[in-house]
Amino acid sequence: MVKKLVVKKLKSAGQDGQLSATIRESAQQIWLAGLGAFAKAQQEGNKVFDALVREGESIQKKTRKVAEDKVTDMAAKATGTWDKLEQVFENRVARSLNSLGVPTKADVDTLAKRVAELKVEVAKLNGGAAKAAKPKAATAKPARTAKPARRVAPKTAAKTASKPAT
């Protein structure tokens, strides 16, 4: 559009002064159009920037949620794998101990229960005798400590060694 104006003015004006004035005016219009575009870009640029920030935040939230879900899934799988590994290990150790004749916790618990039952039966069979025989720990005197053995004096040992045996 600017070109058409310049060409029209050039044809209609025959003088060089008018030509330079027309060129200056066209350059001025181009400069003003550039400034207007720059101002418009600044105004719209802030709006576009803010819109891009909002969209970026939204995408970040979605991405974070997906990542957290994946981490949770992987942690659950890893926990399951560790549990299986632990169970396999425990089973192998139990088999090894069993082959060596080491009693299991269940065996010890069964024996403890049986011992408790037998205590009850013994108490029934003894009747009142078990009640009468109470420990006398409260009235007992503390035991004396033994005195150290006497040492033989060196002179006595020397005298007996120097005497001839008859």
N, C-alpha and C. Protein backbone atom coordinates (compact mmCIF):
# COMPACT_ATOMS: atom_id res chain seq x y z
N MET A 1 0.82 -1.18 0.00
CA MET A 1 0.00 0.00 0.00
C MET A 1 0.87 1.25 0.00
N VAL A 2 1.91 1.22 0.77
CA VAL A 2 2.81 2.36 0.84
C VAL A 2 3.47 2.57 -0.51
N LYS A 3 3.78 1.48 -1.17
CA LYS A 3 4.42 1.57 -2.47
C LYS A 3 3.53 2.29 -3.47
N LYS A 4 2.26 1.96 -3.49
CA LYS A 4 1.33 2.58 -4.43
C LYS A 4 1.25 4.07 -4.19
N LEU A 5 1.22 4.47 -2.91
CA LEU A 5 1.17 5.89 -2.60
C LEU A 5 2.43 6.59 -3.09
N VAL A 6 3.55 5.97 -2.89
CA VAL A 6 4.81 6.58 -3.30
C VAL A 6 4.84 6.73 -4.81
N VAL A 7 4.42 5.70 -5.50
CA VAL A 7 4.46 5.74 -6.96
C VAL A 7 3.51 6.81 -7.48
N LYS A 8 2.30 6.90 -6.92
CA LYS A 8 1.33 7.91 -7.36
C LYS A 8 1.88 9.31 -7.14
N LYS A 9 2.46 9.51 -5.98
CA LYS A 9 2.99 10.83 -5.68
C LYS A 9 4.16 11.16 -6.58
N LEU A 10 4.94 10.12 -6.91
CA LEU A 10 6.08 10.36 -7.80
C LEU A 10 5.60 10.77 -9.18
N LYS A 11 4.57 10.16 -9.67
CA LYS A 11 4.05 10.49 -11.00
C LYS A 11 3.42 11.87 -11.02
N SER A 12 2.69 12.16 -9.94
CA SER A 12 2.02 13.45 -9.92
C SER A 12 2.98 14.59 -9.61
N ALA A 13 4.01 14.33 -8.86
CA ALA A 13 4.93 15.40 -8.51
C ALA A 13 6.16 15.28 -9.38
N GLY A 14 6.54 16.29 -9.92
CA GLY A 14 7.68 16.23 -10.80
C GLY A 14 8.93 16.76 -10.17
N GLN A 15 8.84 17.21 -9.03
CA GLN A 15 10.00 17.84 -8.42
C GLN A 15 10.69 16.87 -7.46
N ASP A 16 11.99 17.06 -7.27
CA ASP A 16 12.80 16.22 -6.39
C ASP A 16 12.46 16.49 -4.92
N GLY A 17 12.12 17.67 -4.57
CA GLY A 17 11.80 18.02 -3.19
C GLY A 17 10.54 17.30 -2.72
N GLN A 18 9.59 17.25 -3.64
CA GLN A 18 8.37 16.53 -3.27
C GLN A 18 8.64 15.04 -3.16
N LEU A 19 9.53 14.54 -3.97
CA LEU A 19 9.87 13.12 -3.93
C LEU A 19 10.52 12.77 -2.58
N SER A 20 11.44 13.57 -2.15
CA SER A 20 12.10 13.30 -0.87
C SER A 20 11.11 13.45 0.29
N ALA A 21 10.19 14.39 0.21
CA ALA A 21 9.18 14.57 1.25
C ALA A 21 8.27 13.36 1.30
N THR A 22 7.95 12.84 0.17
CA THR A 22 7.08 11.66 0.09
C THR A 22 7.80 10.44 0.67
N ILE A 23 9.06 10.32 0.39
CA ILE A 23 9.83 9.19 0.91
C ILE A 23 9.95 9.29 2.44
N ARG A 24 10.19 10.53 2.92
CA ARG A 24 10.27 10.73 4.37
C ARG A 24 8.94 10.40 5.04
N GLU A 25 7.87 10.81 4.40
CA GLU A 25 6.55 10.54 4.97
C GLU A 25 6.26 9.04 5.00
N SER A 26 6.65 8.35 3.96
CA SER A 26 6.45 6.89 3.91
C SER A 26 7.32 6.21 4.98
N ALA A 27 8.56 6.66 5.14
CA ALA A 27 9.44 6.10 6.15
C ALA A 27 8.87 6.35 7.54
N GLN A 28 8.31 7.55 7.74
CA GLN A 28 7.70 7.88 9.03
C GLN A 28 6.52 6.96 9.31
N GLN A 29 5.69 6.68 8.29
CA GLN A 29 4.54 5.79 8.47
C GLN A 29 5.00 4.36 8.78
N ILE A 30 6.06 3.95 8.11
CA ILE A 30 6.60 2.61 8.37
C ILE A 30 7.11 2.53 9.81
N TRP A 31 7.83 3.57 10.23
CA TRP A 31 8.36 3.62 11.61
C TRP A 31 7.23 3.56 12.61
N LEU A 32 6.16 4.35 12.39
CA LEU A 32 5.02 4.36 13.31
C LEU A 32 4.29 3.02 13.32
N ALA A 33 4.18 2.40 12.17
CA ALA A 33 3.56 1.06 12.11
C ALA A 33 4.37 0.06 12.93
N GLY A 34 5.69 0.16 12.86
CA GLY A 34 6.57 -0.73 13.63
C GLY A 34 6.41 -0.51 15.12
N LEU A 35 6.35 0.78 15.52
CA LEU A 35 6.14 1.08 16.94
C LEU A 35 4.80 0.55 17.43
N GLY A 36 3.77 0.72 16.59
CA GLY A 36 2.43 0.21 16.95
C GLY A 36 2.45 -1.31 17.11
N ALA A 37 3.16 -1.97 16.20
CA ALA A 37 3.25 -3.44 16.28
C ALA A 37 3.99 -3.86 17.55
N PHE A 38 5.05 -3.12 17.88
CA PHE A 38 5.82 -3.42 19.08
C PHE A 38 4.96 -3.24 20.33
N ALA A 39 4.20 -2.14 20.40
CA ALA A 39 3.34 -1.88 21.56
C ALA A 39 2.27 -2.97 21.67
N LYS A 40 1.69 -3.33 20.53
CA LYS A 40 0.66 -4.37 20.53
C LYS A 40 1.26 -5.70 20.99
N ALA A 41 2.46 -6.02 20.54
CA ALA A 41 3.14 -7.26 20.94
C ALA A 41 3.42 -7.25 22.43
N GLN A 42 3.80 -6.08 22.98
CA GLN A 42 4.04 -6.00 24.42
C GLN A 42 2.77 -6.27 25.20
N GLN A 43 1.67 -5.64 24.79
CA GLN A 43 0.40 -5.84 25.49
C GLN A 43 -0.05 -7.29 25.39
N GLU A 44 -0.03 -7.82 24.20
CA GLU A 44 -0.49 -9.19 23.98
C GLU A 44 0.53 -10.19 24.52
N GLY A 45 1.79 -9.80 24.52
CA GLY A 45 2.85 -10.70 25.00
C GLY A 45 2.66 -11.06 26.45
N ASN A 46 2.30 -10.09 27.30
CA ASN A 46 2.06 -10.38 28.71
C ASN A 46 0.89 -11.34 28.89
N LYS A 47 -0.16 -11.10 28.10
CA LYS A 47 -1.32 -12.00 28.19
C LYS A 47 -0.95 -13.40 27.73
N VAL A 48 -0.21 -13.49 26.63
CA VAL A 48 0.21 -14.79 26.11
C VAL A 48 1.13 -15.47 27.12
N PHE A 49 2.05 -14.71 27.69
CA PHE A 49 2.97 -15.26 28.68
C PHE A 49 2.21 -15.82 29.87
N ASP A 50 1.25 -15.06 30.39
CA ASP A 50 0.46 -15.53 31.53
C ASP A 50 -0.33 -16.79 31.17
N ALA A 51 -0.88 -16.82 29.97
CA ALA A 51 -1.63 -18.00 29.53
C ALA A 51 -0.69 -19.21 29.43
N LEU A 52 0.51 -19.01 28.93
CA LEU A 52 1.48 -20.10 28.83
C LEU A 52 1.88 -20.61 30.21
N VAL A 53 2.04 -19.70 31.16
CA VAL A 53 2.39 -20.10 32.54
C VAL A 53 1.28 -20.95 33.13
N ARG A 54 0.04 -20.53 32.96
CA ARG A 54 -1.09 -21.30 33.49
C ARG A 54 -1.15 -22.68 32.86
N GLU A 55 -0.94 -22.75 31.58
CA GLU A 55 -0.98 -24.03 30.88
C GLU A 55 0.19 -24.92 31.35
N GLY A 56 1.34 -24.33 31.55
CA GLY A 56 2.50 -25.08 32.05
C GLY A 56 2.24 -25.65 33.43
N GLU A 57 1.61 -24.87 34.31
CA GLU A 57 1.28 -25.35 35.65
C GLU A 57 0.31 -26.52 35.58
N SER A 58 -0.66 -26.42 34.69
CA SER A 58 -1.63 -27.50 34.53
C SER A 58 -0.95 -28.78 34.06
N ILE A 59 -0.07 -28.64 33.09
CA ILE A 59 0.64 -29.81 32.57
C ILE A 59 1.55 -30.39 33.64
N GLN A 60 2.20 -29.53 34.43
CA GLN A 60 3.07 -30.01 35.50
C GLN A 60 2.28 -30.82 36.52
N LYS A 61 1.09 -30.36 36.90
CA LYS A 61 0.27 -31.09 37.86
C LYS A 61 -0.11 -32.46 37.32
N LYS A 62 -0.51 -32.50 36.05
CA LYS A 62 -0.89 -33.79 35.44
C LYS A 62 0.31 -34.73 35.40
N THR A 63 1.45 -34.19 35.01
CA THR A 63 2.66 -35.01 34.91
C THR A 63 3.07 -35.53 36.27
N ARG A 64 3.01 -34.67 37.28
CA ARG A 64 3.38 -35.08 38.64
C ARG A 64 2.46 -36.20 39.13
N LYS A 65 1.16 -36.07 38.87
CA LYS A 65 0.21 -37.10 39.30
C LYS A 65 0.50 -38.43 38.61
N VAL A 66 0.77 -38.39 37.32
CA VAL A 66 1.09 -39.62 36.60
C VAL A 66 2.36 -40.25 37.15
N ALA A 67 3.37 -39.42 37.41
CA ALA A 67 4.65 -39.92 37.94
C ALA A 67 4.44 -40.54 39.32
N GLU A 68 3.66 -39.89 40.19
CA GLU A 68 3.41 -40.43 41.52
C GLU A 68 2.67 -41.76 41.44
N ASP A 69 1.71 -41.86 40.51
CA ASP A 69 0.99 -43.12 40.33
C ASP A 69 1.94 -44.24 39.91
N LYS A 70 2.85 -43.92 39.01
CA LYS A 70 3.82 -44.91 38.53
C LYS A 70 4.74 -45.34 39.68
N VAL A 71 5.19 -44.37 40.47
CA VAL A 71 6.08 -44.70 41.60
C VAL A 71 5.34 -45.57 42.60
N THR A 72 4.07 -45.27 42.87
CA THR A 72 3.28 -46.07 43.80
C THR A 72 3.13 -47.50 43.28
N ASP A 73 2.84 -47.63 41.99
CA ASP A 73 2.71 -48.97 41.40
C ASP A 73 4.01 -49.75 41.50
N MET A 74 5.12 -49.09 41.19
CA MET A 74 6.42 -49.76 41.24
C MET A 74 6.78 -50.15 42.68
N ALA A 75 6.46 -49.28 43.64
CA ALA A 75 6.74 -49.60 45.03
C ALA A 75 5.93 -50.81 45.49
N ALA A 76 4.68 -50.89 45.06
CA ALA A 76 3.83 -52.03 45.41
C ALA A 76 4.40 -53.31 44.81
N LYS A 77 4.84 -53.25 43.58
CA LYS A 77 5.43 -54.43 42.94
C LYS A 77 6.71 -54.85 43.65
N ALA A 78 7.53 -53.86 44.01
CA ALA A 78 8.79 -54.16 44.69
C ALA A 78 8.53 -54.78 46.06
N THR A 79 7.55 -54.27 46.78
CA THR A 79 7.21 -54.81 48.09
C THR A 79 6.74 -56.26 47.96
N GLY A 80 5.92 -56.51 46.97
CA GLY A 80 5.45 -57.88 46.74
C GLY A 80 6.61 -58.81 46.43
N THR A 81 7.55 -58.34 45.65
CA THR A 81 8.72 -59.15 45.30
C THR A 81 9.56 -59.43 46.54
N TRP A 82 9.77 -58.42 47.37
CA TRP A 82 10.55 -58.62 48.61
C TRP A 82 9.84 -59.59 49.53
N ASP A 83 8.52 -59.50 49.63
CA ASP A 83 7.78 -60.42 50.48
C ASP A 83 7.94 -61.86 50.01
N LYS A 84 7.88 -62.06 48.69
CA LYS A 84 8.06 -63.41 48.14
C LYS A 84 9.46 -63.91 48.41
N LEU A 85 10.44 -63.05 48.22
CA LEU A 85 11.83 -63.43 48.45
C LEU A 85 12.05 -63.79 49.92
N GLU A 86 11.47 -63.00 50.82
CA GLU A 86 11.60 -63.26 52.25
C GLU A 86 10.97 -64.60 52.61
N GLN A 87 9.81 -64.91 52.03
CA GLN A 87 9.13 -66.17 52.31
C GLN A 87 9.95 -67.35 51.81
N VAL A 88 10.52 -67.23 50.62
CA VAL A 88 11.37 -68.30 50.08
C VAL A 88 12.57 -68.52 50.99
N PHE A 89 13.19 -67.44 51.43
CA PHE A 89 14.35 -67.54 52.33
C PHE A 89 13.97 -68.23 53.63
N GLU A 90 12.86 -67.82 54.24
CA GLU A 90 12.42 -68.42 55.50
C GLU A 90 12.13 -69.90 55.33
N ASN A 91 11.50 -70.28 54.23
CA ASN A 91 11.20 -71.69 53.99
C ASN A 91 12.48 -72.51 53.85
N ARG A 92 13.46 -71.99 53.14
CA ARG A 92 14.72 -72.73 52.96
C ARG A 92 15.47 -72.86 54.28
N VAL A 93 15.50 -71.80 55.08
CA VAL A 93 16.16 -71.87 56.38
C VAL A 93 15.45 -72.88 57.27
N ALA A 94 14.13 -72.88 57.27
CA ALA A 94 13.35 -73.81 58.09
C ALA A 94 13.64 -75.25 57.68
N ARG A 95 13.71 -75.50 56.37
CA ARG A 95 14.01 -76.85 55.90
C ARG A 95 15.42 -77.28 56.34
N SER A 96 16.37 -76.36 56.23
CA SER A 96 17.75 -76.68 56.64
C SER A 96 17.81 -77.00 58.12
N LEU A 97 17.17 -76.17 58.95
CA LEU A 97 17.17 -76.40 60.39
C LEU A 97 16.46 -77.70 60.74
N ASN A 98 15.39 -78.00 60.04
CA ASN A 98 14.64 -79.23 60.26
C ASN A 98 15.49 -80.45 59.92
N SER A 99 16.26 -80.36 58.84
CA SER A 99 17.11 -81.49 58.46
C SER A 99 18.24 -81.69 59.46
N LEU A 100 18.64 -80.64 60.17
CA LEU A 100 19.66 -80.75 61.20
C LEU A 100 19.08 -81.20 62.54
N GLY A 101 17.76 -81.26 62.64
CA GLY A 101 17.11 -81.71 63.86
C GLY A 101 16.81 -80.59 64.84
N VAL A 102 16.90 -79.35 64.41
CA VAL A 102 16.60 -78.21 65.28
C VAL A 102 15.09 -78.05 65.34
N PRO A 103 14.52 -78.02 66.55
CA PRO A 103 13.06 -77.89 66.65
C PRO A 103 12.59 -76.50 66.19
N THR A 104 11.40 -76.49 65.63
CA THR A 104 10.83 -75.23 65.16
C THR A 104 10.13 -74.54 66.32
N LYS A 105 9.70 -73.32 66.09
CA LYS A 105 8.97 -72.57 67.11
C LYS A 105 7.67 -73.29 67.46
N ALA A 106 7.02 -73.86 66.46
CA ALA A 106 5.78 -74.60 66.70
C ALA A 106 6.05 -75.81 67.60
N ASP A 107 7.19 -76.50 67.37
CA ASP A 107 7.54 -77.65 68.20
C ASP A 107 7.75 -77.21 69.65
N VAL A 108 8.47 -76.12 69.85
CA VAL A 108 8.74 -75.61 71.20
C VAL A 108 7.44 -75.18 71.88
N ASP A 109 6.57 -74.52 71.12
CA ASP A 109 5.28 -74.10 71.69
C ASP A 109 4.44 -75.31 72.11
N THR A 110 4.45 -76.36 71.29
CA THR A 110 3.70 -77.58 71.60
C THR A 110 4.26 -78.22 72.87
N LEU A 111 5.58 -78.28 72.97
CA LEU A 111 6.20 -78.86 74.16
C LEU A 111 5.89 -78.03 75.42
N ALA A 112 5.93 -76.71 75.29
CA ALA A 112 5.63 -75.85 76.43
C ALA A 112 4.19 -76.07 76.89
N LYS A 113 3.30 -76.21 75.95
CA LYS A 113 1.90 -76.45 76.30
C LYS A 113 1.75 -77.80 77.00
N ARG A 114 2.45 -78.81 76.50
CA ARG A 114 2.38 -80.14 77.10
C ARG A 114 2.97 -80.15 78.52
N VAL A 115 4.08 -79.39 78.71
CA VAL A 115 4.69 -79.29 80.04
C VAL A 115 3.71 -78.64 81.01
N ALA A 116 3.02 -77.60 80.56
CA ALA A 116 2.03 -76.94 81.42
C ALA A 116 0.91 -77.90 81.80
N GLU A 117 0.46 -78.72 80.85
CA GLU A 117 -0.59 -79.70 81.14
C GLU A 117 -0.10 -80.73 82.15
N LEU A 118 1.15 -81.17 81.97
CA LEU A 118 1.71 -82.17 82.89
C LEU A 118 1.88 -81.60 84.30
N LYS A 119 2.24 -80.33 84.41
CA LYS A 119 2.34 -79.70 85.72
C LYS A 119 1.01 -79.73 86.44
N VAL A 120 -0.04 -79.45 85.70
CA VAL A 120 -1.38 -79.47 86.29
C VAL A 120 -1.71 -80.88 86.76
N GLU A 121 -1.39 -81.90 85.96
CA GLU A 121 -1.67 -83.30 86.33
C GLU A 121 -0.87 -83.70 87.56
N VAL A 122 0.41 -83.31 87.61
CA VAL A 122 1.24 -83.64 88.77
C VAL A 122 0.68 -82.98 90.02
N ALA A 123 0.24 -81.74 89.89
CA ALA A 123 -0.33 -81.04 91.03
C ALA A 123 -1.59 -81.76 91.52
N LYS A 124 -2.39 -82.28 90.59
CA LYS A 124 -3.61 -83.01 90.98
C LYS A 124 -3.24 -84.31 91.70
N LEU A 125 -2.23 -85.00 91.18
CA LEU A 125 -1.83 -86.28 91.77
C LEU A 125 -1.22 -86.09 93.16
N ASN A 126 -0.45 -85.03 93.34
CA ASN A 126 0.16 -84.76 94.64
C ASN A 126 -0.85 -84.25 95.65
N GLY A 127 -1.90 -83.69 95.17
CA GLY A 127 -2.96 -83.21 96.05
C GLY A 127 -2.47 -82.09 96.92
N GLY A 128 -2.63 -82.25 98.26
CA GLY A 128 -2.26 -81.22 99.21
C GLY A 128 -0.77 -81.20 99.49
N ALA A 129 -0.05 -82.25 99.16
CA ALA A 129 1.38 -82.30 99.46
C ALA A 129 2.14 -81.19 98.75
N ALA A 130 1.71 -80.86 97.56
CA ALA A 130 2.38 -79.79 96.80
C ALA A 130 2.13 -78.45 97.47
N LYS A 131 0.95 -78.30 98.08
CA LYS A 131 0.64 -77.03 98.74
C LYS A 131 1.43 -76.87 100.03
N ALA A 132 1.65 -78.00 100.74
CA ALA A 132 2.33 -77.95 102.03
C ALA A 132 3.81 -77.66 101.86
N ALA A 133 4.40 -78.14 100.82
CA ALA A 133 5.84 -77.96 100.60
C ALA A 133 6.09 -76.62 99.92
N LYS A 134 6.17 -75.60 100.78
CA LYS A 134 6.43 -74.27 100.26
C LYS A 134 7.92 -73.99 100.38
N PRO A 135 8.49 -73.26 99.49
CA PRO A 135 9.91 -72.94 99.62
C PRO A 135 10.12 -71.96 100.78
N LYS A 136 11.22 -72.15 101.55
CA LYS A 136 11.50 -71.32 102.72
C LYS A 136 12.55 -70.29 102.38
N ALA A 137 12.44 -69.69 101.28
CA ALA A 137 13.43 -68.72 100.82
C ALA A 137 13.41 -67.46 101.68
N ALA A 138 12.26 -67.10 102.22
CA ALA A 138 12.15 -65.86 102.99
C ALA A 138 12.82 -65.99 104.35
N THR A 139 12.82 -67.22 104.98
CA THR A 139 13.38 -67.38 106.31
C THR A 139 14.80 -67.93 106.28
N ALA A 140 15.26 -68.36 105.17
CA ALA A 140 16.60 -68.96 105.08
C ALA A 140 17.66 -67.91 105.28
N LYS A 141 18.75 -68.31 106.01
CA LYS A 141 19.87 -67.40 106.24
C LYS A 141 20.79 -67.46 105.02
N PRO A 142 21.44 -66.35 104.75
CA PRO A 142 22.35 -66.39 103.62
C PRO A 142 23.51 -67.33 103.91
N ALA A 143 23.97 -68.00 102.90
CA ALA A 143 25.05 -68.98 103.05
C ALA A 143 26.36 -68.26 103.32
N ARG A 144 27.22 -68.91 104.18
CA ARG A 144 28.51 -68.33 104.49
C ARG A 144 29.47 -68.62 103.35
N THR A 145 30.37 -67.69 103.19
CA THR A 145 31.38 -67.93 102.18
C THR A 145 32.50 -68.73 102.81
N ALA A 146 33.08 -69.63 102.04
CA ALA A 146 34.15 -70.50 102.56
C ALA A 146 35.42 -69.68 102.77
N LYS A 147 36.14 -70.03 103.87
CA LYS A 147 37.40 -69.34 104.13
C LYS A 147 38.48 -69.96 103.25
N PRO A 148 39.43 -69.14 102.87
CA PRO A 148 40.49 -69.71 102.04
C PRO A 148 41.36 -70.66 102.88
N ALA A 149 41.92 -71.66 102.23
CA ALA A 149 42.76 -72.66 102.92
C ALA A 149 44.03 -72.00 103.43
N ARG A 150 44.50 -72.50 104.59
CA ARG A 150 45.70 -71.93 105.18
C ARG A 150 46.92 -72.39 104.39
N ARG A 151 47.83 -71.46 104.31
CA ARG A 151 49.08 -71.82 103.63
C ARG A 151 50.08 -72.32 104.66
N VAL A 152 50.87 -73.24 104.24
CA VAL A 152 51.90 -73.76 105.13
C VAL A 152 53.05 -72.78 105.13
N ALA A 153 53.53 -72.48 106.31
CA ALA A 153 54.63 -71.52 106.42
C ALA A 153 55.88 -72.08 105.75
N PRO A 154 56.68 -71.27 105.16
CA PRO A 154 57.87 -71.75 104.46
C PRO A 154 58.86 -72.44 105.39
N LYS A 155 59.01 -72.01 106.62
CA LYS A 155 59.97 -72.63 107.56
C LYS A 155 59.56 -74.07 107.83
N THR A 156 58.27 -74.32 108.06
CA THR A 156 57.80 -75.66 108.36
C THR A 156 58.05 -76.57 107.17
N ALA A 157 57.83 -76.08 105.99
CA ALA A 157 58.04 -76.89 104.80
C ALA A 157 59.51 -77.20 104.63
N ALA A 158 60.39 -76.27 104.99
CA ALA A 158 61.84 -76.49 104.85
C ALA A 158 62.31 -77.50 105.88
N LYS A 159 61.77 -77.49 107.13
CA LYS A 159 62.17 -78.42 108.18
C LYS A 159 61.79 -79.84 107.80
N THR A 160 60.60 -80.02 107.28
CA THR A 160 60.16 -81.36 106.93
C THR A 160 60.92 -81.90 105.75
N ALA A 161 61.39 -81.05 104.89
CA ALA A 161 62.12 -81.49 103.72
C ALA A 161 63.54 -81.87 104.10
N SER A 162 64.16 -81.25 105.16
CA SER A 162 65.53 -81.51 105.51
C SER A 162 65.67 -82.77 106.39
N LYS A 163 64.59 -83.23 107.01
CA LYS A 163 64.66 -84.42 107.86
C LYS A 163 64.76 -85.65 106.98
N PRO A 164 65.65 -86.57 107.40
CA PRO A 164 65.75 -87.82 106.63
C PRO A 164 64.56 -88.74 106.95
N ALA A 165 64.14 -89.40 105.98
CA ALA A 165 63.01 -90.31 106.16
C ALA A 165 63.48 -91.61 106.75
N THR A 166 62.87 -92.13 107.80
CA THR A 166 63.30 -93.35 108.46
C THR A 166 62.43 -94.52 108.14
